[in-house]
Structure formats: structure tokens, C-alpha cells
Amino acid sequence: MAKKVSKKRSKKEEQMSEKTEKTVLVLLVIIIILLAVILGIVILKKNNNIDNNDSNYKVNIDDNDDGIKVTDDIMDNQTTTDNKSYIGKDKAISIALKDLKLTKNDVYDLECELDKEFNQTVYEVTFNYKNLEYEYYINPETGKIIHSFKELD
């Protein structure tokens, strides 16, 4: 009878050992997945040149709006951290409208924002006139039109 007891124990031990092996295997798979996710995040950050210490942007939450607005401190200050002077939003709008011999009263949905396009900082001026939407990219330091185009609204 003593032998039967020891056989039962060894079966229990075998079952516990199998459960332990399965648990260890599951934990290893979870660890590998987590490492892959972390590595993916690191690679994405490196490829996108994400800088968490970028102080040029601020987030505003407007109670009257449904979303979060990300604004650019550079636009608010009209100067960069390099102390380069920018022409300002109003001047950029004026340059774009002057190119078409239009005034603010002639257009609708007029917007201007400081943005990164063509690997450089630009004022992006957009507006609609008649049935067309216009987009202008203007150098914020010189006021020179870098690129413009129009498309059907």
C-alpha cells in the first residue's frame, strides 16, 4: 500500500510539474510580447524623431469645444527660440490674399497656422474663394511664398 501512495504522489507531482511548465511557458510568451511592444515603441519614436521635451507646443482644452487644440507657442510669440523674427499671422494672410488680389471680405473659412512642411517651418494659409480652396505656404521670416495651390472645394 505504501507503493500506491508514492505512485499517487508522483502523479500529482507530475501534474504539478506540467502545470508549472505551462505557467512558465505562458509567462515567457507574455514577456516576449511585452518586449516586442516596447521595442516597437522605441523604434517608432526614433524614426519619427519624437521629442517629449519639445516646449514649442501646448495643449488647450476649450470648454466650449468638443476637442483638444494643440497650438504652437511660436505663433503666439511670433518669435522662435532662436530669436528669429517672424512676419506674423496677419502679414502671412495679407501676402497670400495680395497674390490673388483679394481681400479678407472676398474669402471665407480663412485660417492661418504655423506648421512644418517641406522640412521647414511655414505659415500655412488656407481659404475658400468662390468654389475653390486655396492653400499657401509662406516663409515665416521672409514672407516669400514657398508653394501655393488650389483645388475644387
N, C-alpha and C. Protein backbone atom coordinates (compact mmCIF):
# COMPACT_ATOMS: atom_id res chain seq x y z
N MET A 1 0.80 -1.18 0.00
CA MET A 1 0.00 0.00 0.00
C MET A 1 0.85 1.26 0.00
N ALA A 2 1.99 1.15 0.58
CA ALA A 2 2.90 2.29 0.61
C ALA A 2 3.34 2.65 -0.79
N LYS A 3 3.48 1.66 -1.65
CA LYS A 3 3.90 1.92 -3.02
C LYS A 3 2.83 2.68 -3.78
N LYS A 4 1.56 2.34 -3.56
CA LYS A 4 0.47 3.02 -4.26
C LYS A 4 0.44 4.50 -3.87
N VAL A 5 0.67 4.80 -2.62
CA VAL A 5 0.68 6.18 -2.16
C VAL A 5 1.79 6.95 -2.85
N SER A 6 2.95 6.34 -2.93
CA SER A 6 4.06 7.03 -3.58
C SER A 6 3.81 7.23 -5.06
N LYS A 7 3.10 6.30 -5.71
CA LYS A 7 2.75 6.46 -7.12
C LYS A 7 1.77 7.62 -7.29
N LYS A 8 0.81 7.71 -6.36
CA LYS A 8 -0.14 8.80 -6.43
C LYS A 8 0.56 10.13 -6.27
N ARG A 9 1.51 10.17 -5.36
CA ARG A 9 2.25 11.42 -5.16
C ARG A 9 3.04 11.78 -6.41
N SER A 10 3.63 10.81 -7.01
CA SER A 10 4.43 11.12 -8.19
C SER A 10 3.53 11.57 -9.34
N LYS A 11 2.32 11.05 -9.44
CA LYS A 11 1.39 11.53 -10.46
C LYS A 11 0.99 12.97 -10.16
N LYS A 12 0.73 13.25 -8.89
CA LYS A 12 0.40 14.62 -8.51
C LYS A 12 1.57 15.54 -8.78
N GLU A 13 2.75 15.04 -8.45
CA GLU A 13 3.94 15.84 -8.70
C GLU A 13 4.12 16.08 -10.20
N GLU A 14 3.84 15.04 -11.00
CA GLU A 14 3.93 15.19 -12.45
C GLU A 14 2.93 16.23 -12.95
N GLN A 15 1.70 16.16 -12.45
CA GLN A 15 0.68 17.12 -12.85
C GLN A 15 1.08 18.53 -12.45
N MET A 16 1.60 18.67 -11.25
CA MET A 16 2.04 19.99 -10.80
C MET A 16 3.20 20.48 -11.64
N SER A 17 4.09 19.56 -11.97
CA SER A 17 5.25 19.92 -12.79
C SER A 17 4.79 20.38 -14.17
N GLU A 18 3.82 19.66 -14.76
CA GLU A 18 3.28 20.06 -16.06
C GLU A 18 2.62 21.43 -15.98
N LYS A 19 1.84 21.66 -14.91
CA LYS A 19 1.19 22.96 -14.73
C LYS A 19 2.23 24.06 -14.58
N THR A 20 3.29 23.77 -13.84
CA THR A 20 4.35 24.75 -13.65
C THR A 20 5.03 25.06 -14.97
N GLU A 21 5.30 24.02 -15.76
CA GLU A 21 5.93 24.23 -17.07
C GLU A 21 5.04 25.08 -17.97
N LYS A 22 3.74 24.79 -17.97
CA LYS A 22 2.81 25.56 -18.80
C LYS A 22 2.76 27.02 -18.33
N THR A 23 2.74 27.21 -17.02
CA THR A 23 2.70 28.57 -16.47
C THR A 23 3.95 29.34 -16.86
N VAL A 24 5.10 28.71 -16.73
CA VAL A 24 6.36 29.34 -17.09
C VAL A 24 6.37 29.68 -18.58
N LEU A 25 5.87 28.76 -19.40
CA LEU A 25 5.83 28.98 -20.84
C LEU A 25 4.92 30.17 -21.18
N VAL A 26 3.75 30.24 -20.55
CA VAL A 26 2.83 31.36 -20.77
C VAL A 26 3.49 32.67 -20.34
N LEU A 27 4.15 32.69 -19.20
CA LEU A 27 4.83 33.89 -18.72
C LEU A 27 5.93 34.32 -19.69
N LEU A 28 6.67 33.36 -20.21
CA LEU A 28 7.72 33.68 -21.18
C LEU A 28 7.13 34.31 -22.45
N VAL A 29 6.02 33.77 -22.92
CA VAL A 29 5.38 34.32 -24.11
C VAL A 29 4.91 35.76 -23.83
N ILE A 30 4.34 35.99 -22.65
CA ILE A 30 3.89 37.34 -22.28
C ILE A 30 5.06 38.30 -22.22
N ILE A 31 6.17 37.87 -21.65
CA ILE A 31 7.36 38.71 -21.55
C ILE A 31 7.89 39.04 -22.94
N ILE A 32 7.92 38.06 -23.84
CA ILE A 32 8.40 38.28 -25.20
C ILE A 32 7.50 39.29 -25.92
N ILE A 33 6.19 39.16 -25.75
CA ILE A 33 5.26 40.09 -26.39
C ILE A 33 5.48 41.51 -25.85
N LEU A 34 5.62 41.65 -24.54
CA LEU A 34 5.85 42.96 -23.94
C LEU A 34 7.15 43.58 -24.45
N LEU A 35 8.19 42.78 -24.54
CA LEU A 35 9.47 43.28 -25.06
C LEU A 35 9.33 43.74 -26.51
N ALA A 36 8.58 42.97 -27.30
CA ALA A 36 8.37 43.35 -28.70
C ALA A 36 7.61 44.68 -28.80
N VAL A 37 6.61 44.86 -27.95
CA VAL A 37 5.85 46.12 -27.95
C VAL A 37 6.75 47.28 -27.55
N ILE A 38 7.54 47.11 -26.51
CA ILE A 38 8.45 48.17 -26.06
C ILE A 38 9.46 48.50 -27.15
N LEU A 39 10.02 47.49 -27.78
CA LEU A 39 10.98 47.70 -28.86
C LEU A 39 10.32 48.45 -30.02
N GLY A 40 9.07 48.09 -30.34
CA GLY A 40 8.35 48.77 -31.41
C GLY A 40 8.15 50.24 -31.09
N ILE A 41 7.81 50.55 -29.85
CA ILE A 41 7.61 51.94 -29.45
C ILE A 41 8.92 52.72 -29.56
N VAL A 42 10.00 52.12 -29.10
CA VAL A 42 11.31 52.78 -29.18
C VAL A 42 11.69 53.05 -30.63
N ILE A 43 11.45 52.09 -31.50
CA ILE A 43 11.78 52.26 -32.91
C ILE A 43 10.92 53.36 -33.53
N LEU A 44 9.62 53.37 -33.21
CA LEU A 44 8.75 54.42 -33.75
C LEU A 44 9.18 55.80 -33.28
N LYS A 45 9.51 55.92 -32.02
CA LYS A 45 9.96 57.22 -31.51
C LYS A 45 11.23 57.67 -32.22
N LYS A 46 12.14 56.73 -32.41
CA LYS A 46 13.40 57.08 -33.06
C LYS A 46 13.16 57.48 -34.51
N ASN A 47 12.32 56.73 -35.22
CA ASN A 47 12.06 57.02 -36.63
C ASN A 47 11.28 58.31 -36.83
N ASN A 48 10.41 58.64 -35.91
CA ASN A 48 9.60 59.85 -36.03
C ASN A 48 10.23 61.04 -35.34
N ASN A 49 11.42 60.85 -34.78
CA ASN A 49 12.12 61.92 -34.08
C ASN A 49 11.22 62.60 -33.06
N ILE A 50 10.51 61.81 -32.29
CA ILE A 50 9.63 62.36 -31.27
C ILE A 50 10.47 62.86 -30.12
N ASP A 51 10.25 64.11 -29.76
CA ASP A 51 10.97 64.71 -28.65
C ASP A 51 9.97 65.11 -27.59
N ASN A 52 9.94 64.37 -26.50
CA ASN A 52 8.97 64.66 -25.45
C ASN A 52 9.28 65.96 -24.72
N ASN A 53 10.45 66.51 -24.92
CA ASN A 53 10.83 67.75 -24.26
C ASN A 53 10.62 68.96 -25.15
N ASP A 54 9.88 68.80 -26.25
CA ASP A 54 9.63 69.91 -27.16
C ASP A 54 8.70 70.91 -26.49
N SER A 55 9.21 72.07 -26.18
CA SER A 55 8.42 73.04 -25.44
C SER A 55 7.71 74.04 -26.35
N ASN A 56 7.76 73.83 -27.66
CA ASN A 56 7.12 74.76 -28.57
C ASN A 56 5.62 74.55 -28.68
N TYR A 57 5.11 73.43 -28.15
CA TYR A 57 3.70 73.13 -28.29
C TYR A 57 3.02 73.11 -26.94
N LYS A 58 1.77 73.55 -26.93
CA LYS A 58 0.99 73.49 -25.71
C LYS A 58 -0.39 72.97 -26.07
N VAL A 59 -1.05 72.35 -25.12
CA VAL A 59 -2.37 71.79 -25.35
C VAL A 59 -3.39 72.64 -24.61
N ASN A 60 -4.41 73.08 -25.32
CA ASN A 60 -5.50 73.85 -24.71
C ASN A 60 -6.77 73.03 -24.80
N ILE A 61 -7.47 72.94 -23.70
CA ILE A 61 -8.77 72.28 -23.70
C ILE A 61 -9.81 73.36 -23.52
N ASP A 62 -10.65 73.53 -24.53
CA ASP A 62 -11.65 74.58 -24.53
C ASP A 62 -12.99 73.98 -24.11
N ASP A 63 -13.60 74.54 -23.06
CA ASP A 63 -14.87 74.03 -22.57
C ASP A 63 -15.99 74.16 -23.60
N ASN A 64 -15.87 75.13 -24.49
CA ASN A 64 -16.91 75.35 -25.49
C ASN A 64 -16.71 74.51 -26.74
N ASP A 65 -15.64 73.75 -26.78
CA ASP A 65 -15.30 72.96 -27.96
C ASP A 65 -15.33 71.49 -27.59
N ASP A 66 -15.48 70.65 -28.59
CA ASP A 66 -15.54 69.21 -28.32
C ASP A 66 -14.17 68.56 -28.30
N GLY A 67 -13.13 69.27 -28.65
CA GLY A 67 -11.84 68.62 -28.79
C GLY A 67 -10.73 69.30 -28.04
N ILE A 68 -9.54 68.80 -28.27
CA ILE A 68 -8.33 69.35 -27.69
C ILE A 68 -7.60 70.07 -28.81
N LYS A 69 -7.17 71.27 -28.56
CA LYS A 69 -6.45 72.05 -29.56
C LYS A 69 -4.98 72.09 -29.19
N VAL A 70 -4.13 71.74 -30.15
CA VAL A 70 -2.69 71.86 -29.94
C VAL A 70 -2.27 73.12 -30.65
N THR A 71 -1.73 74.06 -29.91
CA THR A 71 -1.30 75.32 -30.51
C THR A 71 0.21 75.42 -30.43
N ASP A 72 0.73 76.32 -31.19
CA ASP A 72 2.16 76.48 -31.28
C ASP A 72 2.55 77.77 -30.58
N ASP A 73 3.39 77.69 -29.56
CA ASP A 73 3.83 78.89 -28.85
C ASP A 73 4.53 79.85 -29.79
N ILE A 74 5.18 79.33 -30.82
CA ILE A 74 5.90 80.19 -31.75
C ILE A 74 4.92 81.16 -32.40
N MET A 75 3.74 80.66 -32.79
CA MET A 75 2.76 81.52 -33.42
C MET A 75 2.29 82.59 -32.43
N ASP A 76 2.10 82.20 -31.18
CA ASP A 76 1.65 83.16 -30.19
C ASP A 76 2.69 84.26 -29.97
N ASN A 77 3.95 83.88 -29.93
CA ASN A 77 5.02 84.84 -29.64
C ASN A 77 5.57 85.53 -30.87
N GLN A 78 5.35 84.95 -32.03
CA GLN A 78 5.88 85.44 -33.30
C GLN A 78 7.40 85.42 -33.33
N THR A 79 8.03 84.71 -32.43
CA THR A 79 9.48 84.58 -32.44
C THR A 79 9.84 83.15 -32.07
N THR A 80 10.90 82.66 -32.62
CA THR A 80 11.33 81.31 -32.27
C THR A 80 12.25 81.37 -31.08
N THR A 81 12.64 80.19 -30.62
CA THR A 81 13.60 80.15 -29.52
C THR A 81 14.97 80.61 -29.98
N ASP A 82 15.18 80.67 -31.30
CA ASP A 82 16.46 81.15 -31.84
C ASP A 82 16.46 82.67 -32.00
N ASN A 83 15.42 83.33 -31.51
CA ASN A 83 15.26 84.78 -31.62
C ASN A 83 15.16 85.25 -33.06
N LYS A 84 14.68 84.40 -33.96
CA LYS A 84 14.42 84.81 -35.33
C LYS A 84 13.05 85.47 -35.34
N SER A 85 12.95 86.58 -36.00
CA SER A 85 11.69 87.31 -36.03
C SER A 85 10.82 86.80 -37.17
N TYR A 86 9.55 86.55 -36.87
CA TYR A 86 8.60 86.09 -37.88
C TYR A 86 7.70 87.25 -38.29
N ILE A 87 7.19 87.16 -39.51
CA ILE A 87 6.37 88.23 -40.05
C ILE A 87 5.01 88.32 -39.35
N GLY A 88 4.54 87.23 -38.80
CA GLY A 88 3.25 87.21 -38.11
C GLY A 88 2.14 86.68 -38.99
N LYS A 89 1.11 86.24 -38.32
CA LYS A 89 -0.03 85.61 -38.98
C LYS A 89 -0.75 86.58 -39.93
N ASP A 90 -0.99 87.79 -39.47
CA ASP A 90 -1.73 88.76 -40.29
C ASP A 90 -0.98 89.10 -41.57
N LYS A 91 0.33 89.25 -41.48
CA LYS A 91 1.14 89.56 -42.66
C LYS A 91 1.13 88.38 -43.63
N ALA A 92 1.19 87.17 -43.12
CA ALA A 92 1.16 85.98 -43.98
C ALA A 92 -0.17 85.91 -44.74
N ILE A 93 -1.26 86.20 -44.03
CA ILE A 93 -2.58 86.22 -44.68
C ILE A 93 -2.61 87.30 -45.76
N SER A 94 -2.08 88.46 -45.43
CA SER A 94 -2.05 89.57 -46.37
C SER A 94 -1.27 89.21 -47.64
N ILE A 95 -0.16 88.54 -47.48
CA ILE A 95 0.68 88.13 -48.63
C ILE A 95 -0.08 87.17 -49.53
N ALA A 96 -0.74 86.18 -48.92
CA ALA A 96 -1.49 85.20 -49.71
C ALA A 96 -2.63 85.86 -50.47
N LEU A 97 -3.39 86.73 -49.78
CA LEU A 97 -4.53 87.38 -50.44
C LEU A 97 -4.06 88.36 -51.52
N LYS A 98 -2.95 89.06 -51.27
CA LYS A 98 -2.42 90.01 -52.25
C LYS A 98 -2.02 89.29 -53.53
N ASP A 99 -1.53 88.07 -53.41
CA ASP A 99 -1.11 87.29 -54.58
C ASP A 99 -2.28 87.09 -55.55
N LEU A 100 -3.50 87.01 -55.02
CA LEU A 100 -4.68 86.81 -55.86
C LEU A 100 -5.51 88.10 -56.01
N LYS A 101 -4.97 89.19 -55.47
CA LYS A 101 -5.67 90.48 -55.50
C LYS A 101 -7.05 90.38 -54.84
N LEU A 102 -7.06 89.73 -53.66
CA LEU A 102 -8.30 89.56 -52.90
C LEU A 102 -8.17 90.25 -51.55
N THR A 103 -9.30 90.42 -50.88
CA THR A 103 -9.30 90.95 -49.51
C THR A 103 -9.93 89.90 -48.59
N LYS A 104 -9.85 90.15 -47.29
CA LYS A 104 -10.45 89.23 -46.32
C LYS A 104 -11.95 89.11 -46.53
N ASN A 105 -12.57 90.17 -46.99
CA ASN A 105 -14.01 90.15 -47.23
C ASN A 105 -14.41 89.30 -48.44
N ASP A 106 -13.45 89.04 -49.34
CA ASP A 106 -13.75 88.24 -50.54
C ASP A 106 -13.75 86.74 -50.25
N VAL A 107 -13.11 86.32 -49.18
CA VAL A 107 -12.90 84.89 -48.94
C VAL A 107 -13.66 84.44 -47.70
N TYR A 108 -13.77 83.13 -47.54
CA TYR A 108 -14.37 82.57 -46.34
C TYR A 108 -13.54 81.36 -45.88
N ASP A 109 -13.79 80.94 -44.64
CA ASP A 109 -13.02 79.85 -44.00
C ASP A 109 -11.51 80.15 -44.00
N LEU A 110 -11.17 81.38 -43.72
CA LEU A 110 -9.77 81.80 -43.70
C LEU A 110 -9.08 81.31 -42.43
N GLU A 111 -7.97 80.61 -42.60
CA GLU A 111 -7.19 80.11 -41.48
C GLU A 111 -5.70 80.29 -41.76
N CYS A 112 -4.95 80.48 -40.68
CA CYS A 112 -3.50 80.59 -40.80
C CYS A 112 -2.88 79.94 -39.59
N GLU A 113 -1.90 79.08 -39.81
CA GLU A 113 -1.20 78.46 -38.69
C GLU A 113 0.26 78.22 -39.05
N LEU A 114 1.06 78.25 -38.03
CA LEU A 114 2.48 77.95 -38.19
C LEU A 114 2.61 76.44 -38.19
N ASP A 115 3.30 75.91 -39.19
CA ASP A 115 3.34 74.46 -39.37
C ASP A 115 4.70 74.05 -39.92
N LYS A 116 4.94 72.76 -39.94
CA LYS A 116 6.14 72.20 -40.58
C LYS A 116 5.73 71.55 -41.88
N GLU A 117 6.23 72.06 -42.98
CA GLU A 117 6.01 71.49 -44.32
C GLU A 117 7.31 71.63 -45.10
N PHE A 118 7.55 70.72 -46.00
CA PHE A 118 8.74 70.78 -46.85
C PHE A 118 10.02 70.86 -46.00
N ASN A 119 10.02 70.19 -44.86
CA ASN A 119 11.18 70.16 -43.95
C ASN A 119 11.54 71.54 -43.41
N GLN A 120 10.57 72.43 -43.32
CA GLN A 120 10.84 73.76 -42.77
C GLN A 120 9.57 74.32 -42.12
N THR A 121 9.74 75.30 -41.30
CA THR A 121 8.61 75.98 -40.67
C THR A 121 8.01 76.95 -41.66
N VAL A 122 6.69 76.91 -41.79
CA VAL A 122 5.98 77.79 -42.73
C VAL A 122 4.68 78.27 -42.10
N TYR A 123 4.17 79.38 -42.62
CA TYR A 123 2.80 79.75 -42.33
C TYR A 123 1.95 79.06 -43.38
N GLU A 124 0.97 78.30 -42.94
CA GLU A 124 0.04 77.66 -43.87
C GLU A 124 -1.25 78.48 -43.84
N VAL A 125 -1.54 79.14 -44.96
CA VAL A 125 -2.73 79.98 -45.08
C VAL A 125 -3.72 79.26 -45.99
N THR A 126 -4.92 79.02 -45.48
CA THR A 126 -5.95 78.36 -46.29
C THR A 126 -7.21 79.21 -46.28
N PHE A 127 -7.91 79.21 -47.41
CA PHE A 127 -9.17 79.93 -47.50
C PHE A 127 -9.93 79.44 -48.73
N ASN A 128 -11.20 79.78 -48.78
CA ASN A 128 -12.05 79.45 -49.92
C ASN A 128 -12.47 80.73 -50.61
N TYR A 129 -12.52 80.66 -51.93
CA TYR A 129 -12.98 81.78 -52.75
C TYR A 129 -13.78 81.18 -53.90
N LYS A 130 -15.01 81.62 -53.99
CA LYS A 130 -15.96 81.04 -54.95
C LYS A 130 -16.04 79.54 -54.68
N ASN A 131 -15.77 78.69 -55.64
CA ASN A 131 -15.88 77.25 -55.41
C ASN A 131 -14.50 76.57 -55.32
N LEU A 132 -13.48 77.35 -54.99
CA LEU A 132 -12.13 76.81 -54.90
C LEU A 132 -11.56 76.98 -53.50
N GLU A 133 -10.72 76.01 -53.12
CA GLU A 133 -9.99 76.11 -51.85
C GLU A 133 -8.52 76.40 -52.19
N TYR A 134 -7.97 77.42 -51.56
CA TYR A 134 -6.59 77.82 -51.80
C TYR A 134 -5.73 77.49 -50.59
N GLU A 135 -4.50 77.10 -50.86
CA GLU A 135 -3.53 76.85 -49.79
C GLU A 135 -2.22 77.51 -50.17
N TYR A 136 -1.69 78.28 -49.23
CA TYR A 136 -0.41 78.96 -49.42
C TYR A 136 0.54 78.55 -48.30
N TYR A 137 1.79 78.33 -48.67
CA TYR A 137 2.86 78.08 -47.70
C TYR A 137 3.84 79.23 -47.82
N ILE A 138 4.00 79.95 -46.71
CA ILE A 138 4.78 81.19 -46.73
C ILE A 138 5.92 81.10 -45.72
N ASN A 139 7.11 81.52 -46.15
CA ASN A 139 8.27 81.55 -45.26
C ASN A 139 8.00 82.54 -44.14
N PRO A 140 8.07 82.11 -42.88
CA PRO A 140 7.72 82.99 -41.77
C PRO A 140 8.73 84.10 -41.50
N GLU A 141 9.92 83.99 -42.03
CA GLU A 141 10.94 85.02 -41.81
C GLU A 141 10.97 86.04 -42.93
N THR A 142 10.84 85.57 -44.17
CA THR A 142 10.98 86.47 -45.32
C THR A 142 9.65 86.90 -45.92
N GLY A 143 8.60 86.11 -45.70
CA GLY A 143 7.30 86.40 -46.31
C GLY A 143 7.20 85.91 -47.74
N LYS A 144 8.20 85.19 -48.21
CA LYS A 144 8.19 84.67 -49.57
C LYS A 144 7.23 83.48 -49.67
N ILE A 145 6.44 83.43 -50.76
CA ILE A 145 5.55 82.31 -51.00
C ILE A 145 6.39 81.12 -51.45
N ILE A 146 6.36 80.06 -50.67
CA ILE A 146 7.14 78.86 -50.98
C ILE A 146 6.38 77.97 -51.97
N HIS A 147 5.08 77.84 -51.73
CA HIS A 147 4.26 76.97 -52.57
C HIS A 147 2.81 77.39 -52.41
N SER A 148 2.04 77.28 -53.48
CA SER A 148 0.62 77.53 -53.37
C SER A 148 -0.10 76.62 -54.36
N PHE A 149 -1.34 76.30 -54.05
CA PHE A 149 -2.16 75.54 -54.99
C PHE A 149 -3.62 75.76 -54.67
N LYS A 150 -4.45 75.37 -55.63
CA LYS A 150 -5.89 75.49 -55.45
C LYS A 150 -6.53 74.19 -55.92
N GLU A 151 -7.72 73.93 -55.35
CA GLU A 151 -8.47 72.76 -55.76
C GLU A 151 -9.95 73.04 -55.58
N LEU A 152 -10.78 72.25 -56.23
CA LEU A 152 -12.22 72.41 -56.09
C LEU A 152 -12.62 72.19 -54.65
N ASP A 153 -13.48 73.05 -54.16
CA ASP A 153 -13.95 72.95 -52.78
C ASP A 153 -14.96 71.84 -52.62
